[in-house]
Amino acid sequence: MRTRLQTAEQLALTEEEPRLLQQGLAEWSGPARCTEEFAVAMGFDDAADLNRRGARIRTALAAKEPLEPMDWARALLATELAFASEVVGSGYEWSTTTGWSDDTTVKVLRSTQLELIRTVSPLVGRGLGTRPQGLSDHAGLAGHAP
């Protein structure tokens, strides 16, 4: 499992991919309303930690500082949920509150997922939830280039 700090540049992220992650994290301080359970599922200690640590991750992303793999996972999961969930995230209001169209968001989010998968997927079962027995840790990597 990778534990070393990596910058967006080292992970080959485009300029807009870290910006999307910053926006996704920022939504939790605005229209998105997280539950304690969802915050924990995204790798935070609780909803207050999502806001506190989320702000630190946003600042690090803006400054192009390196992040731990778990912080990359937190940023990605927080963005995925803020964008997609109408129940706890921004959902339908995403494009209004962020200025990012759904089409652009999906395109950039998909490319971000592909760039980060090898960094964040090893965390599942090792600090980020558990998988049912018999399910491969890399089941989500099928079809992805190394």
Foldseek 3Di string as FASTA:
>chain_A
DDFDWDFCVRLVADPVLLVLLLLLLVQLVDDFADAQVLLVLQQANGSVRSNVVSVVLSVCNVVRHTDTLSSLSSSLSSSVCQDPDPVGHVDPCSCVVRVADPVRSVVSSVVSCLSSVVSHLVCDCPRNDHDPPPDDSCPVCPPRDD
